[in-house]
C-alpha atoms as a PDB file:
ATOM      1  CA  MET A   1     -60.707  17.866-101.209  1.00  0.00           C
ATOM      2  CA  ASP A   2     -62.924  16.341 -98.040  1.00  0.00           C
ATOM      3  CA  GLU A   3     -60.638  16.669 -94.431  1.00  0.00           C
ATOM      4  CA  LYS A   4     -62.424  14.027 -93.299  1.00  0.00           C
ATOM      5  CA  ILE A   5     -60.721  10.931 -95.313  1.00  0.00           C
ATOM      6  CA  LEU A   6     -57.465  12.166 -95.026  1.00  0.00           C
ATOM      7  CA  LYS A   7     -54.769  11.332 -92.841  1.00  0.00           C
ATOM      8  CA  ILE A   8     -53.391  14.138 -90.836  1.00  0.00           C
ATOM      9  CA  ASN A   9     -51.157  14.707 -88.008  1.00  0.00           C
ATOM     10  CA  PHE A  10     -52.129  16.816 -85.858  1.00  0.00           C
ATOM     11  CA  SER A  11     -49.569  16.490 -83.036  1.00  0.00           C
ATOM     12  CA  ASN A  12     -48.373  19.990 -83.650  1.00  0.00           C
ATOM     13  CA  TYR A  13     -51.754  21.603 -84.602  1.00  0.00           C
ATOM     14  CA  PHE A  14     -52.378  25.614 -83.261  1.00  0.00           C
ATOM     15  CA  TRP A  15     -56.575  24.982 -82.942  1.00  0.00           C
ATOM     16  CA  GLN A  16     -56.508  21.914 -80.821  1.00  0.00           C
ATOM     17  CA  ASP A  17     -55.204  20.923 -77.127  1.00  0.00           C
ATOM     18  CA  ASN A  18     -55.344  17.573 -75.667  1.00  0.00           C
ATOM     19  CA  LYS A  19     -59.483  17.045 -75.895  1.00  0.00           C
ATOM     20  CA  VAL A  20     -61.019  19.396 -77.903  1.00  0.00           C
ATOM     21  CA  ARG A  21     -59.968  21.201 -81.813  1.00  0.00           C
ATOM     22  CA  LEU A  22     -61.557  23.533 -83.939  1.00  0.00           C
ATOM     23  CA  ARG A  23     -62.220  23.362 -87.544  1.00  0.00           C
ATOM     24  CA  ALA A  24     -64.169  25.617 -89.685  1.00  0.00           C
ATOM     25  CA  MET A  25     -68.357  25.061 -90.325  1.00  0.00           C
ATOM     26  CA  TYR A  26     -69.001  23.000 -93.197  1.00  0.00           C
ATOM     27  CA  PRO A  27     -72.316  22.901 -95.590  1.00  0.00           C
ATOM     28  CA  GLU A  28     -73.534  19.729 -93.844  1.00  0.00           C
ATOM     29  CA  ASP A  29     -73.338  21.221 -89.869  1.00  0.00           C
ATOM     30  CA  TRP A  30     -76.522  23.027 -90.410  1.00  0.00           C
ATOM     31  CA  GLU A  31     -78.319  19.666 -89.095  1.00  0.00           C
ATOM     32  CA  ARG A  32     -76.325  19.992 -86.206  1.00  0.00           C
ATOM     33  CA  GLU A  33     -77.411  23.691 -86.309  1.00  0.00           C
ATOM     34  CA  TYR A  34     -81.422  22.639 -86.088  1.00  0.00           C
ATOM     35  CA  ILE A  35     -81.346  20.387 -84.152  1.00  0.00           C
ATOM     36  CA  GLY A  36     -79.439  22.755 -81.702  1.00  0.00           C
ATOM     37  CA  GLN A  37     -81.983  25.521 -82.282  1.00  0.00           C
ATOM     38  CA  HIS A  38     -84.764  23.638 -80.232  1.00  0.00           C
ATOM     39  CA  ASP A  39     -82.905  23.817 -76.982  1.00  0.00           C
ATOM     40  CA  THR A  40     -85.033  27.306 -75.532  1.00  0.00           C
ATOM     41  CA  SER A  41     -82.895  27.278 -72.489  1.00  0.00           C
ATOM     42  CA  ALA A  42     -79.858  27.133 -73.843  1.00  0.00           C
ATOM     43  CA  ARG A  43     -80.754  29.783 -76.779  1.00  0.00           C
ATOM     44  CA  ARG A  44     -81.570  31.905 -74.204  1.00  0.00           C
ATOM     45  CA  PHE A  45     -78.562  31.995 -72.609  1.00  0.00           C
ATOM     46  CA  LEU A  46     -76.744  32.402 -76.319  1.00  0.00           C
ATOM     47  CA  GLU A  47     -79.649  35.063 -77.495  1.00  0.00           C
ATOM     48  CA  CYS A  48     -80.888  37.035 -74.358  1.00  0.00           C
ATOM     49  CA  SER A  49     -84.647  36.144 -76.428  1.00  0.00           C
ATOM     50  CA  THR A  50     -86.946  33.121 -77.341  1.00  0.00           C
ATOM     51  CA  GLY A  51     -86.150  32.556 -81.098  1.00  0.00           C
ATOM     52  CA  LEU A  52     -89.334  31.325 -83.289  1.00  0.00           C
ATOM     53  CA  PRO A  53     -89.316  28.261 -84.056  1.00  0.00           C
ATOM     54  CA  PRO A  54     -85.933  27.466 -85.665  1.00  0.00           C
ATOM     55  CA  THR A  55     -86.513  26.366 -89.858  1.00  0.00           C
ATOM     56  CA  VAL A  56     -84.439  24.218 -92.181  1.00  0.00           C
ATOM     57  CA  THR A  57     -84.418  27.007 -94.146  1.00  0.00           C
ATOM     58  CA  GLY A  58     -82.796  29.459 -91.283  1.00  0.00           C
ATOM     59  CA  SER A  59     -80.321  26.790 -90.236  1.00  0.00           C
ATOM     60  CA  LYS A  60     -79.174  25.961 -93.900  1.00  0.00           C
ATOM     61  CA  LYS A  61     -79.000  29.898 -94.993  1.00  0.00           C
ATOM     62  CA  PHE A  62     -76.700  30.837 -91.041  1.00  0.00           C
ATOM     63  CA  VAL A  63     -74.238  27.602 -92.096  1.00  0.00           C
ATOM     64  CA  GLU A  64     -74.524  29.188 -95.513  1.00  0.00           C
ATOM     65  CA  GLU A  65     -72.967  32.391 -94.722  1.00  0.00           C
ATOM     66  CA  ASN A  66     -70.125  31.260 -92.120  1.00  0.00           C
ATOM     67  CA  VAL A  67     -69.135  27.857 -94.294  1.00  0.00           C
ATOM     68  CA  ASP A  68     -65.198  28.284 -94.674  1.00  0.00           C
ATOM     69  CA  PHE A  69     -64.323  31.704 -92.482  1.00  0.00           C
ATOM     70  CA  SER A  70     -67.100  33.381 -94.781  1.00  0.00           C
ATOM     71  CA  SER A  71     -69.502  35.813 -92.800  1.00  0.00           C
ATOM     72  CA  THR A  72     -69.048  38.922 -93.542  1.00  0.00           C
ATOM     73  CA  LYS A  73     -70.558  40.123 -91.024  1.00  0.00           C
ATOM     74  CA  GLY A  74     -67.453  40.123 -88.948  1.00  0.00           C
ATOM     75  CA  ARG A  75     -67.598  36.974 -87.383  1.00  0.00           C
ATOM     76  CA  LEU A  76     -65.574  33.707 -87.229  1.00  0.00           C
ATOM     77  CA  MET A  77     -67.712  30.428 -86.736  1.00  0.00           C
ATOM     78  CA  PHE A  78     -65.624  27.648 -85.413  1.00  0.00           C
ATOM     79  CA  ILE A  79     -67.312  23.977 -85.636  1.00  0.00           C
ATOM     80  CA  ILE A  80     -66.115  22.295 -81.735  1.00  0.00           C
ATOM     81  CA  GLU A  81     -65.063  18.547 -82.507  1.00  0.00           C
ATOM     82  CA  ASP A  82     -63.802  15.962 -79.977  1.00  0.00           C
ATOM     83  CA  LEU A  83     -60.811  14.439 -81.358  1.00  0.00           C
ATOM     84  CA  GLU A  84     -62.470  11.276 -82.791  1.00  0.00           C
ATOM     85  CA  GLY A  85     -63.351  13.760 -84.838  1.00  0.00           C
ATOM     86  CA  LYS A  86     -67.725  14.099 -82.970  1.00  0.00           C
ATOM     87  CA  SER A  87     -69.021  17.817 -83.260  1.00  0.00           C
ATOM     88  CA  VAL A  88     -69.280  18.441 -79.882  1.00  0.00           C
ATOM     89  CA  GLY A  89     -70.185  22.788 -80.665  1.00  0.00           C
ATOM     90  CA  GLU A  90     -69.639  25.722 -81.406  1.00  0.00           C
ATOM     91  CA  ILE A  91     -67.974  28.952 -80.722  1.00  0.00           C
ATOM     92  CA  ASN A  92     -67.236  32.156 -82.388  1.00  0.00           C
ATOM     93  CA  LEU A  93     -65.128  35.185 -82.638  1.00  0.00           C
ATOM     94  CA  SER A  94     -66.666  38.625 -82.839  1.00  0.00           C
ATOM     95  CA  ASN A  95     -67.208  42.278 -82.553  1.00  0.00           C
ATOM     96  CA  ILE A  96     -63.910  42.272 -82.986  1.00  0.00           C
ATOM     97  CA  ASP A  97     -62.678  46.227 -82.998  1.00  0.00           C
ATOM     98  CA  GLU A  98     -58.967  46.772 -84.166  1.00  0.00           C
ATOM     99  CA  ARG A  99     -58.640  50.187 -83.689  1.00  0.00           C
ATOM    100  CA  ASN A 100     -59.484  49.485 -80.004  1.00  0.00           C
ATOM    101  CA  GLY A 101     -58.361  45.348 -79.817  1.00  0.00           C
ATOM    102  CA  THR A 102     -61.251  44.424 -78.244  1.00  0.00           C
ATOM    103  CA  PHE A 103     -63.653  41.513 -79.325  1.00  0.00           C
ATOM    104  CA  GLY A 104     -66.498  38.466 -77.924  1.00  0.00           C
ATOM    105  CA  ILE A 105     -66.518  35.273 -78.082  1.00  0.00           C
ATOM    106  CA  GLY A 106     -69.708  33.268 -78.023  1.00  0.00           C
ATOM    107  CA  VAL A 107     -69.664  29.265 -77.724  1.00  0.00           C
ATOM    108  CA  GLU A 108     -72.543  27.058 -78.052  1.00  0.00           C
ATOM    109  CA  ILE A 109     -72.208  23.294 -76.113  1.00  0.00           C
ATOM    110  CA  ASP A 110     -74.529  21.104 -77.455  1.00  0.00           C
ATOM    111  CA  LYS A 111     -76.326  19.647 -74.529  1.00  0.00           C
ATOM    112  CA  GLU A 112     -75.343  15.497 -74.193  1.00  0.00           C
ATOM    113  CA  ASN A 113     -71.665  17.347 -74.332  1.00  0.00           C
ATOM    114  CA  ARG A 114     -72.001  19.678 -71.301  1.00  0.00           C
ATOM    115  CA  GLY A 115     -69.799  19.857 -68.417  1.00  0.00           C
ATOM    116  CA  MET A 116     -67.295  18.081 -69.687  1.00  0.00           C
ATOM    117  CA  GLY A 117     -64.403  20.938 -70.352  1.00  0.00           C
ATOM    118  CA  TYR A 118     -65.189  21.625 -74.072  1.00  0.00           C
ATOM    119  CA  GLY A 119     -66.250  25.344 -73.731  1.00  0.00           C
ATOM    120  CA  THR A 120     -63.179  26.435 -71.437  1.00  0.00           C
ATOM    121  CA  ARG A 121     -60.693  24.462 -73.368  1.00  0.00           C
ATOM    122  CA  SER A 122     -62.603  25.754 -76.567  1.00  0.00           C
ATOM    123  CA  MET A 123     -62.363  28.853 -75.292  1.00  0.00           C
ATOM    124  CA  LYS A 124     -58.665  28.750 -74.358  1.00  0.00           C
ATOM    125  CA  ILE A 125     -57.863  28.380 -77.773  1.00  0.00           C
ATOM    126  CA  LEU A 126     -59.719  31.099 -79.559  1.00  0.00           C
ATOM    127  CA  LEU A 127     -58.615  33.212 -76.713  1.00  0.00           C
ATOM    128  CA  LYS A 128     -54.454  32.784 -77.274  1.00  0.00           C
ATOM    129  CA  TYR A 129     -55.577  33.147 -81.393  1.00  0.00           C
ATOM    130  CA  ALA A 130     -56.859  36.699 -80.359  1.00  0.00           C
ATOM    131  CA  PHE A 131     -54.649  37.647 -78.064  1.00  0.00           C
ATOM    132  CA  LEU A 132     -51.559  36.364 -79.396  1.00  0.00           C
ATOM    133  CA  GLU A 133     -52.027  36.289 -83.228  1.00  0.00           C
ATOM    134  CA  ARG A 134     -53.953  38.890 -83.800  1.00  0.00           C
ATOM    135  CA  ARG A 135     -52.718  41.748 -81.155  1.00  0.00           C
ATOM    136  CA  LEU A 136     -56.165  41.839 -79.892  1.00  0.00           C
ATOM    137  CA  ASN A 137     -56.098  43.450 -76.017  1.00  0.00           C
ATOM    138  CA  LYS A 138     -59.725  42.733 -73.838  1.00  0.00           C
ATOM    139  CA  PHE A 139     -62.114  40.412 -74.359  1.00  0.00           C
ATOM    140  CA  ASN A 140     -65.186  41.394 -73.402  1.00  0.00           C
ATOM    141  CA  ASP A 141     -68.412  39.567 -72.383  1.00  0.00           C
ATOM    142  CA  HIS A 142     -71.327  39.718 -71.016  1.00  0.00           C
ATOM    143  CA  ILE A 143     -73.688  36.637 -69.857  1.00  0.00           C
ATOM    144  CA  LEU A 144     -77.820  36.206 -68.504  1.00  0.00           C
ATOM    145  CA  GLU A 145     -78.209  36.281 -64.860  1.00  0.00           C
ATOM    146  CA  GLY A 146     -78.851  32.758 -63.849  1.00  0.00           C
ATOM    147  CA  ASN A 147     -76.107  31.615 -66.913  1.00  0.00           C
ATOM    148  CA  ASP A 148     -74.326  29.861 -63.787  1.00  0.00           C
ATOM    149  CA  ALA A 149     -72.075  27.577 -65.884  1.00  0.00           C
ATOM    150  CA  SER A 150     -70.910  30.761 -68.318  1.00  0.00           C
ATOM    151  CA  ALA A 151     -70.480  32.464 -65.246  1.00  0.00           C
ATOM    152  CA  LYS A 152     -68.395  29.565 -63.005  1.00  0.00           C
ATOM    153  CA  MET A 153     -66.497  29.055 -67.039  1.00  0.00           C
ATOM    154  CA  MET A 154     -65.467  33.089 -67.368  1.00  0.00           C
ATOM    155  CA  LYS A 155     -64.280  33.188 -63.863  1.00  0.00           C
ATOM    156  CA  LYS A 156     -61.924  29.813 -64.430  1.00  0.00           C
ATOM    157  CA  LEU A 157     -60.143  31.547 -67.287  1.00  0.00           C
ATOM    158  CA  GLY A 158     -59.282  34.023 -64.932  1.00  0.00           C
ATOM    159  CA  CYS A 159     -61.844  37.278 -66.843  1.00  0.00           C
ATOM    160  CA  ILE A 160     -63.145  39.962 -63.703  1.00  0.00           C
ATOM    161  CA  GLN A 161     -66.947  40.459 -63.265  1.00  0.00           C
ATOM    162  CA  GLU A 162     -66.645  43.858 -64.059  1.00  0.00           C
ATOM    163  CA  GLY A 163     -70.124  44.917 -63.239  1.00  0.00           C
ATOM    164  CA  VAL A 164     -74.059  44.474 -63.611  1.00  0.00           C
ATOM    165  CA  ARG A 165     -76.010  45.644 -66.324  1.00  0.00           C
ATOM    166  CA  ARG A 166     -79.912  45.635 -65.122  1.00  0.00           C
ATOM    167  CA  GLN A 167     -83.163  45.005 -66.237  1.00  0.00           C
ATOM    168  CA  MET A 168     -81.120  44.856 -70.327  1.00  0.00           C
ATOM    169  CA  ALA A 169     -83.356  41.532 -71.666  1.00  0.00           C
ATOM    170  CA  TYR A 170     -87.224  40.418 -70.733  1.00  0.00           C
ATOM    171  CA  ILE A 171     -87.657  36.959 -70.808  1.00  0.00           C
ATOM    172  CA  ASN A 172     -89.900  34.585 -69.855  1.00  0.00           C
ATOM    173  CA  GLY A 173     -92.100  37.575 -67.944  1.00  0.00           C
ATOM    174  CA  LYS A 174     -89.032  39.556 -66.563  1.00  0.00           C
ATOM    175  CA  TYR A 175     -86.422  41.829 -66.806  1.00  0.00           C
ATOM    176  CA  MET A 176     -83.180  40.474 -66.711  1.00  0.00           C
ATOM    177  CA  ASP A 177     -79.725  41.780 -66.261  1.00  0.00           C
ATOM    178  CA  PHE A 178     -75.996  41.401 -68.227  1.00  0.00           C
ATOM    179  CA  ILE A 179     -73.184  39.886 -65.904  1.00  0.00           C
ATOM    180  CA  LEU A 180     -70.483  42.113 -67.823  1.00  0.00           C
ATOM    181  CA  PHE A 181     -66.878  40.077 -67.701  1.00  0.00           C
ATOM    182  CA  GLY A 182     -63.494  41.186 -69.140  1.00  0.00           C
ATOM    183  CA  LEU A 183     -59.857  39.877 -69.720  1.00  0.00           C
ATOM    184  CA  THR A 184     -57.036  41.758 -71.117  1.00  0.00           C
ATOM    185  CA  LYS A 185     -53.805  40.058 -72.659  1.00  0.00           C
ATOM    186  CA  ASP A 186     -51.394  40.981 -69.557  1.00  0.00           C
ATOM    187  CA  GLU A 187     -54.163  39.067 -67.505  1.00  0.00           C
ATOM    188  CA  PHE A 188     -54.922  36.072 -70.543  1.00  0.00           C
ATOM    189  CA  ILE A 189     -50.991  35.575 -70.632  1.00  0.00           C
ATOM    190  CA  LYS A 190     -50.714  35.689 -66.496  1.00  0.00           C
ATOM    191  CA  ASN A 191     -53.321  33.504 -65.576  1.00  0.00           C
ATOM    192  CA  HIS A 192     -52.314  30.425 -68.455  1.00  0.00           C
ATOM    193  CA  LYS A 193     -48.421  31.166 -68.562  1.00  0.00           C
ATOM    194  CA  GLU A 194     -47.392  27.620 -68.137  1.00  0.00           C
ATOM    195  CA  GLU A 195     -49.466  26.838 -70.754  1.00  0.00           C
ATOM    196  CA  LEU A 196     -48.928  29.130 -73.166  1.00  0.00           C
ATOM    197  CA  ASN A 197     -44.813  28.357 -73.132  1.00  0.00           C
ATOM    198  CA  PHE A 198     -44.443  31.980 -71.663  1.00  0.00           C
END
């Protein structure tokens, strides 16, 4: 049954805060995926490369592989919505290493919705899930040099810059560095204690 026609009381729902809600990817999300592929500068920051021109087939296949958390590639894909149900981006939990307790998160906010806090809020929800429900212990991320918005978000979340991996990506005629960030479960709890009711 389509969630959008159901009347759901979200007042005690784990997957939201007072501005964003995370949901599963639906088959019809291929269109937003396809449109987002045309933002080359954002895709470069996300994928650390310049991809070939997007295709409808490719976008449909990607969504089909991730609908309802069905990915076999160890990635949980979520759509980020505002509380009115408007899609504003996507986020994923990935690179999960259960043995060592490490993981990564990828987030992309649609161009018209950037700078409104959706990314930071969605990251907090997914970090809370990873640390407090999945028993994972360390979030690791790398961002491409020049991605100032993501660096700012990492710092806002309490992530520590752990180093630089030099000349890791070749984009637009030059080699670019990866800036490494990390956050432990204890650091997350300490930085967000009041929000988590600890």
